[in-house]
Protein backbone atom coordinates (compact mmCIF):
# COMPACT_ATOMS: atom_id res chain seq x y z
CA MET A 1 123.15 116.46 35.81
CA GLU A 2 121.44 119.06 38.14
CA MET A 3 123.79 121.18 39.51
CA ALA A 4 121.31 122.12 42.73
CA GLU A 5 122.75 118.53 44.03
CA HIS A 6 126.94 120.34 43.99
CA GLY A 7 126.84 123.12 45.98
CA LYS A 8 127.87 126.96 45.53
CA HIS A 9 130.87 127.22 45.51
CA GLY A 10 130.46 124.12 42.59
CA GLN A 11 127.90 126.68 40.17
CA ALA A 12 130.46 129.38 40.63
CA LYS A 13 133.63 127.49 39.69
CA VAL A 14 131.82 126.12 36.23
CA HIS A 15 130.12 130.04 36.21
CA THR A 16 133.55 131.14 36.00
CA VAL A 17 135.48 128.78 33.67
CA LEU A 18 132.78 128.93 31.22
CA SER A 19 132.61 132.86 31.07
CA GLU A 20 136.78 132.50 30.21
CA PHE A 21 135.40 129.63 27.48
CA LYS A 22 133.28 132.73 26.35
CA ARG A 23 135.74 135.15 26.07
CA GLY A 24 138.10 133.15 25.25
CA THR A 25 140.63 133.35 27.84
CA LEU A 26 140.46 129.52 29.18
CA HIS A 27 143.54 127.99 28.58
CA SER A 28 144.61 124.60 29.45
CA GLY A 29 147.01 122.33 31.55
CA SER A 30 149.31 122.72 28.45
CA GLY A 31 148.96 126.40 28.05
CA GLY A 32 147.10 126.71 24.31
CA ARG A 33 143.53 127.64 24.19
CA VAL A 34 140.50 126.42 24.51
CA THR A 35 137.96 126.52 21.77
CA SER A 36 136.02 122.95 22.66
CA ARG A 37 133.58 123.39 24.38
CA LYS A 38 132.93 119.72 26.23
CA GLN A 39 136.41 120.46 26.17
CA ALA A 40 135.58 122.89 28.51
CA ILE A 41 132.61 121.98 30.69
CA ALA A 42 134.93 118.72 31.66
CA ILE A 43 138.04 121.53 33.26
CA ALA A 44 134.61 123.55 34.44
CA MET A 45 134.03 120.26 36.17
CA SER A 46 137.21 118.60 36.92
CA GLU A 47 138.25 122.72 38.63
CA ALA A 48 135.25 122.42 40.63
CA GLY A 49 135.70 118.97 41.85
CA LEU A 50 132.32 118.23 40.35
CA SER A 51 134.29 115.41 38.32
CA ARG A 52 134.82 113.09 41.35
CA LYS A 53 133.17 110.35 42.16
CA LYS A 54 132.36 108.99 44.97
CA LYS A 55 133.53 106.23 46.50
CA GLY A 56 131.71 103.88 49.11
CA LEU A 57 133.56 102.94 52.24
CA LYS A 58 133.89 99.19 51.21
CA GLU A 59 135.61 100.71 47.99
CA HIS A 60 138.30 102.86 49.58
CA THR A 61 139.74 101.06 52.07
CA ALA A 62 140.43 98.38 49.15
CA ASP A 63 142.25 101.03 47.43
CA LEU A 64 144.09 102.00 50.85
CA ALA A 65 144.95 98.03 52.12
CA ARG A 66 145.81 98.04 47.84
CA LYS A 67 148.19 100.75 48.79
CA GLY A 68 149.47 99.49 51.39
CA LYS A 69 148.51 101.92 53.26
CA LEU A 70 145.94 100.38 55.56
CA ARG A 71 146.29 96.24 57.02
CA MET A 72 143.49 94.20 56.64
CA LYS A 73 142.76 91.76 58.91
């Protein structure tokens, strides 16, 4: 995955979280210390908003209709 396509904010957040992991100060949501590099990367991507899949308009409107927030005609 190339970081250039994701913007400066995402890059900075990933850098910050991975730095915390290297120092040993990164904690998971449950409060435990993160010891796995793969888990640290997953946390970084999630916090930077890079793990979210971009949905097309068709899928987005179908999700809204399924939740009852949009009436399909």
